[in-house]
């Protein structure tokens, strides 16, 4: 077995150069008025990758610990790295690049640009297992940023059953319905993957963590989620009803989720206020 070691100096240089090549606009951030360096700031990369600024700064200063594959995947998404650049990042960090067939967490550049071109619509990309792979600003403001570096922290099914706080954004009377929707959709994905280790591991952890999930899993209900009406209880703009449209990729391993205001309601105006408040926080 080949022993791999981290090259801290080259890793730091590659992170810095990659950060300088990504504009705030490309990353869906406000550019602001006082930028002394090209590209993103360190704290912005840390925010996009779901890690502390101190941790990321130490990586760029050649003094951080060896990053895990999950952290490297988050950095690759935040820095908009190509597949080749992502593999190079893993090698510099002393980690094996993801297997060539495992591309489920890589969102194409065209899809990322599409998210940026939908400023008035909450849009996010999920894997078929429920991992949130990318969000635009509106989705982060409406639903909260859940793209984190932990293996299951960014998974909406895991958060729904293992983190009680995740349900606070939805009416209590609809919790049972959403539980069945999550499990039925995951059932379909697990069957399509036919023994995939990531899918098996997620189901095992969910069954061990939640009696509710275990009971629903035994029902063997199957239903791919495609469209629905949902209500979000937002702390700033109050309860909003949204049309949820799910667009499936041809391979079935990723989906684009669009949350749009129903016609004839004031939801669009309230979302515009939410977007304006988010821009003020970023610029200020």
Protein backbone atom coordinates (compact mmCIF):
# COMPACT_ATOMS: atom_id res chain seq x y z
CA UNK A 1 0.00 0.00 0.00
CA UNK A 2 1.39 3.42 -0.98
CA UNK A 3 1.83 5.75 1.99
CA UNK A 4 0.46 9.22 1.26
CA UNK A 5 1.56 12.33 3.15
CA UNK A 6 0.26 15.86 3.20
CA UNK A 7 2.25 18.56 1.38
CA UNK A 8 1.27 21.54 3.53
CA UNK A 9 3.18 24.15 1.56
CA UNK A 10 1.76 23.14 -1.81
CA UNK A 11 -1.72 22.67 -0.31
CA UNK A 12 -1.64 26.17 1.16
CA UNK A 13 -0.51 27.66 -2.15
CA UNK A 14 -3.16 25.82 -4.14
CA UNK A 15 -5.93 26.89 -1.75
CA UNK A 16 -4.81 30.51 -1.90
CA UNK A 17 -4.50 30.57 -5.70
CA UNK A 18 -7.88 28.85 -6.12
CA UNK A 19 -9.53 31.30 -3.72
CA UNK A 20 -8.16 34.25 -5.69
CA UNK A 21 -9.64 32.87 -8.92
CA UNK A 22 -13.23 32.76 -7.65
CA UNK A 23 -15.08 36.07 -7.71
CA UNK A 24 -17.73 36.82 -5.06
CA UNK A 25 -20.31 37.00 -7.84
CA UNK A 26 -19.41 33.48 -9.03
CA UNK A 27 -19.90 32.24 -5.47
CA UNK A 28 -23.25 34.01 -5.10
CA UNK A 29 -21.92 36.62 -2.65
CA UNK A 30 -22.19 40.39 -2.64
CA UNK A 31 -18.94 42.03 -3.76
CA UNK A 32 -19.06 44.94 -1.30
CA UNK A 33 -17.12 48.16 -1.68
CA UNK A 34 -13.78 47.56 0.06
CA UNK A 35 -11.92 44.56 -1.28
CA UNK A 36 -8.15 44.61 -1.03
CA UNK A 37 -7.55 41.16 -2.49
CA UNK A 38 -8.83 39.46 -5.66
CA UNK A 39 -11.33 36.68 -5.38
CA UNK A 40 -12.85 35.48 -2.14
CA UNK A 41 -11.81 36.33 1.38
CA UNK A 42 -10.74 33.52 3.71
CA UNK A 43 -13.83 33.95 5.86
CA UNK A 44 -16.04 33.67 2.78
CA UNK A 45 -14.45 30.37 1.73
CA UNK A 46 -14.90 29.11 5.28
CA UNK A 47 -18.57 30.16 5.24
CA UNK A 48 -19.25 28.47 1.92
CA UNK A 49 -17.49 25.29 3.04
CA UNK A 50 -19.20 25.17 6.45
CA UNK A 51 -16.06 25.40 8.58
CA UNK A 52 -14.49 27.92 10.95
CA UNK A 53 -12.40 30.76 9.54
CA UNK A 54 -9.59 29.82 11.94
CA UNK A 55 -9.45 26.26 10.59
CA UNK A 56 -9.32 27.41 6.97
CA UNK A 57 -6.73 30.11 7.76
CA UNK A 58 -4.42 27.52 9.30
CA UNK A 59 -4.64 25.44 6.13
CA UNK A 60 -3.56 28.45 4.04
CA UNK A 61 -0.72 29.13 6.48
CA UNK A 62 0.71 25.60 6.13
CA UNK A 63 0.05 24.77 9.77
CA UNK A 64 -3.32 23.06 9.81
CA UNK A 65 -4.07 19.39 10.53
CA UNK A 66 -4.57 16.93 7.70
CA UNK A 67 -8.04 17.62 6.25
CA UNK A 68 -10.50 14.76 6.04
CA UNK A 69 -12.04 13.72 2.70
CA UNK A 70 -15.31 15.36 3.80
CA UNK A 71 -13.59 18.70 4.42
CA UNK A 72 -11.78 18.48 1.09
CA UNK A 73 -15.06 17.82 -0.70
CA UNK A 74 -16.58 20.89 0.96
CA UNK A 75 -13.59 23.02 -0.06
CA UNK A 76 -13.79 21.75 -3.64
CA UNK A 77 -17.43 22.83 -3.81
CA UNK A 78 -16.76 26.23 -2.24
CA UNK A 79 -13.85 26.95 -4.60
CA UNK A 80 -15.71 25.69 -7.69
CA UNK A 81 -12.92 23.23 -8.51
CA UNK A 82 -13.03 21.05 -11.60
CA UNK A 83 -12.73 17.28 -11.23
CA UNK A 84 -8.99 17.45 -11.99
CA UNK A 85 -8.48 20.29 -9.51
CA UNK A 86 -10.48 18.42 -6.87
CA UNK A 87 -8.30 15.32 -7.31
CA UNK A 88 -5.18 17.50 -7.07
CA UNK A 89 -6.49 18.98 -3.82
CA UNK A 90 -6.95 15.51 -2.33
CA UNK A 91 -3.46 14.42 -3.35
CA UNK A 92 -1.82 17.51 -1.85
CA UNK A 93 -3.70 16.82 1.39
CA UNK A 94 -2.40 13.24 1.50
CA UNK A 95 -5.79 11.72 0.71
CA UNK A 96 -6.83 9.46 -2.14
CA UNK A 97 -9.05 11.24 -4.68
CA UNK A 98 -12.66 10.04 -4.83
CA UNK A 99 -13.17 7.03 -7.03
CA UNK A 100 -13.94 7.89 -10.63
CA UNK A 101 -17.43 6.41 -10.41
CA UNK A 102 -18.32 8.34 -7.28
CA UNK A 103 -19.40 11.67 -8.75
CA UNK A 104 -22.69 12.06 -6.89
CA UNK A 105 -21.45 15.04 -4.84
CA UNK A 106 -20.00 16.96 -7.81
CA UNK A 107 -22.38 19.60 -9.15
CA UNK A 108 -21.70 20.69 -12.72
CA UNK A 109 -20.60 24.26 -13.39
CA UNK A 110 -23.64 24.95 -15.59
CA UNK A 111 -25.99 23.91 -12.78
CA UNK A 112 -24.10 26.08 -10.28
CA UNK A 113 -24.44 29.05 -12.63
CA UNK A 114 -28.15 28.32 -12.95
CA UNK A 115 -28.51 28.63 -9.17
CA UNK A 116 -26.86 32.05 -9.33
CA UNK A 117 -29.21 33.16 -12.12
CA UNK A 118 -32.29 32.48 -9.99
CA UNK A 119 -31.98 35.26 -7.40
CA UNK A 120 -35.72 35.46 -6.72
CA UNK A 121 -36.20 31.71 -6.39
CA UNK A 122 -34.96 29.45 -3.61
CA UNK A 123 -33.02 26.74 -5.43
CA UNK A 124 -30.77 23.93 -4.27
CA UNK A 125 -29.19 20.77 -5.61
CA UNK A 126 -29.64 17.54 -3.65
CA UNK A 127 -28.31 14.06 -4.17
CA UNK A 128 -30.85 11.25 -4.41
CA UNK A 129 -29.93 10.30 -0.83
CA UNK A 130 -30.82 13.78 0.43
CA UNK A 131 -27.38 15.43 0.66
CA UNK A 132 -27.59 19.18 0.04
CA UNK A 133 -24.82 19.77 -2.50
CA UNK A 134 -25.37 23.44 -3.35
CA UNK A 135 -27.73 26.30 -2.52
CA UNK A 136 -28.26 29.80 -3.83
CA UNK A 137 -28.58 32.82 -1.53
CA UNK A 138 -32.37 32.67 -1.39
CA UNK A 139 -32.34 29.02 -0.33
CA UNK A 140 -29.79 29.76 2.39
CA UNK A 141 -31.88 32.68 3.66
CA UNK A 142 -35.12 30.73 3.56
CA UNK A 143 -33.99 27.29 4.74
CA UNK A 144 -30.65 27.94 6.39
CA UNK A 145 -27.25 26.84 5.12
CA UNK A 146 -27.03 23.08 5.63
CA UNK A 147 -24.08 22.34 3.33
CA UNK A 148 -21.66 21.26 6.05
CA UNK A 149 -18.48 19.23 6.09
CA UNK A 150 -19.77 16.30 8.15
CA UNK A 151 -20.86 13.16 6.36
CA UNK A 152 -24.47 13.28 7.54
CA UNK A 153 -24.76 16.91 8.67
CA UNK A 154 -25.82 18.07 5.22
CA UNK A 155 -28.31 15.25 4.70
CA UNK A 156 -31.91 16.43 5.01
CA UNK A 157 -33.25 12.98 5.94
CA UNK A 158 -30.68 12.55 8.72
CA UNK A 159 -31.38 16.03 10.09
CA UNK A 160 -35.14 15.45 9.98
CA UNK A 161 -34.99 12.29 12.09
CA UNK A 162 -31.88 12.91 14.22
CA UNK A 163 -32.10 16.66 14.92
CA UNK A 164 -35.43 17.77 16.46
CA UNK A 165 -34.63 21.43 15.73
CA UNK A 166 -34.75 20.72 11.98
CA UNK A 167 -38.54 20.38 12.21
CA UNK A 168 -39.11 23.80 13.75
CA UNK A 169 -39.37 25.40 10.31
CA UNK A 170 -42.46 23.34 9.42
CA UNK A 171 -45.97 23.16 10.96
CA UNK A 172 -46.25 20.47 13.60
CA UNK A 173 -49.35 19.05 11.97
CA UNK A 174 -47.36 18.22 8.83
CA UNK A 175 -44.39 16.49 10.51
CA UNK A 176 -45.83 12.98 10.13
CA UNK A 177 -46.49 13.61 6.43
CA UNK A 178 -42.95 14.82 5.77
CA UNK A 179 -41.50 11.87 7.66
CA UNK A 180 -43.25 9.45 5.30
CA UNK A 181 -42.24 11.51 2.26
CA UNK A 182 -38.58 11.43 3.28
CA UNK A 183 -38.56 7.68 3.94
CA UNK A 184 -40.46 6.73 0.77
CA UNK A 185 -38.14 8.85 -1.39
CA UNK A 186 -35.04 7.39 0.30
CA UNK A 187 -36.42 3.86 -0.26
CA UNK A 188 -36.53 4.49 -4.00
CA UNK A 189 -32.97 5.87 -4.04
CA UNK A 190 -31.54 2.97 -2.04
CA UNK A 191 -33.13 0.46 -4.41
CA UNK A 192 -31.67 2.25 -7.46
CA UNK A 193 -28.21 2.16 -5.90
CA UNK A 194 -28.38 -1.61 -5.28
CA UNK A 195 -26.02 -2.17 -2.36
CA UNK A 196 -24.13 1.13 -2.54
CA UNK A 197 -22.10 1.49 0.73
CA UNK A 198 -23.08 5.14 1.28
CA UNK A 199 -26.78 4.32 1.00
CA UNK A 200 -26.46 1.28 3.27
CA UNK A 201 -24.52 3.26 5.87
CA UNK A 202 -27.08 6.07 5.91
CA UNK A 203 -30.02 3.70 6.41
CA UNK A 204 -28.23 1.81 9.18
CA UNK A 205 -27.42 5.01 11.04
CA UNK A 206 -30.98 6.28 10.67
CA UNK A 207 -32.49 3.04 11.94
CA UNK A 208 -30.21 3.19 14.95
CA UNK A 209 -30.90 6.84 15.69
CA UNK A 210 -34.67 7.07 15.19
CA UNK A 211 -37.44 4.67 16.17
CA UNK A 212 -39.80 6.65 13.95
CA UNK A 213 -37.58 6.11 10.92
CA UNK A 214 -37.16 2.41 11.72
CA UNK A 215 -40.94 1.94 11.92
CA UNK A 216 -41.58 3.80 8.66
CA UNK A 217 -38.79 1.92 6.90
CA UNK A 218 -40.53 -1.36 7.71
CA UNK A 219 -43.63 -0.17 5.82
CA UNK A 220 -41.61 -0.30 2.58
CA UNK A 221 -43.41 2.67 1.04
CA UNK A 222 -41.81 3.97 -2.18
CA UNK A 223 -42.45 7.34 -3.83
CA UNK A 224 -39.99 9.61 -5.63
CA UNK A 225 -40.60 13.21 -4.64
CA UNK A 226 -41.35 15.40 -7.68
CA UNK A 227 -43.72 18.22 -6.76
CA UNK A 228 -45.70 19.37 -3.74
CA UNK A 229 -46.92 22.40 -1.80
CA UNK A 230 -45.07 23.14 1.43
CA UNK A 231 -45.23 25.71 4.22
CA UNK A 232 -42.10 27.16 5.80
CA UNK A 233 -42.26 28.97 9.16
CA UNK A 234 -39.61 31.66 8.76
CA UNK A 235 -38.55 33.74 11.80
CA UNK A 236 -38.31 36.99 9.77
CA UNK A 237 -41.09 36.91 7.15
CA UNK A 238 -43.44 34.51 8.91
CA UNK A 239 -45.18 31.46 7.39
CA UNK A 240 -44.92 31.19 3.62
CA UNK A 241 -46.54 28.68 1.28
CA UNK A 242 -44.31 27.53 -1.58
CA UNK A 243 -44.62 25.32 -4.62
CA UNK A 244 -41.86 22.71 -4.53
CA UNK A 245 -40.80 21.42 -7.95
CA UNK A 246 -38.15 18.69 -8.16
CA UNK A 247 -36.30 18.28 -11.47
CA UNK A 248 -34.47 14.95 -11.74
CA UNK A 249 -31.13 14.51 -13.51
CA UNK A 250 -31.15 11.85 -16.27
CA UNK A 251 -28.97 9.57 -14.14
CA UNK A 252 -31.27 10.01 -11.16
CA UNK A 253 -28.47 10.72 -8.66
CA UNK A 254 -29.05 14.48 -8.37
CA UNK A 255 -32.06 16.74 -8.41
CA UNK A 256 -32.67 20.47 -8.69
CA UNK A 257 -35.26 21.64 -6.16
CA UNK A 258 -37.09 24.92 -6.88
CA UNK A 259 -39.28 26.64 -4.28
CA UNK A 260 -41.48 29.21 -5.98
CA UNK A 261 -44.25 31.53 -4.73
CA UNK A 262 -47.77 30.40 -5.65
CA UNK A 263 -49.49 32.77 -8.11
CA UNK A 264 -51.79 35.37 -6.61
CA UNK A 265 -50.06 35.53 -3.20
CA UNK A 266 -47.77 38.05 -1.50
CA UNK A 267 -45.05 35.46 -0.99
CA UNK A 268 -42.88 36.87 -3.81
CA UNK A 269 -42.85 40.31 -2.14
CA UNK A 270 -41.90 38.82 1.23
CA UNK A 271 -39.12 36.77 -0.34
CA UNK A 272 -37.82 39.96 -1.99
CA UNK A 273 -37.65 41.58 1.44
CA UNK A 274 -35.77 38.56 2.77
CA UNK A 275 -33.29 38.75 -0.11
CA UNK A 276 -32.73 42.47 0.48
CA UNK A 277 -32.09 41.87 4.18
CA UNK A 278 -29.53 39.18 3.29
CA UNK A 279 -27.69 41.52 0.89
CA UNK A 280 -27.54 44.23 3.57
CA UNK A 281 -25.91 41.79 6.01
CA UNK A 282 -23.28 40.76 3.45
CA UNK A 283 -22.41 44.31 2.38
CA UNK A 284 -22.47 45.68 5.89
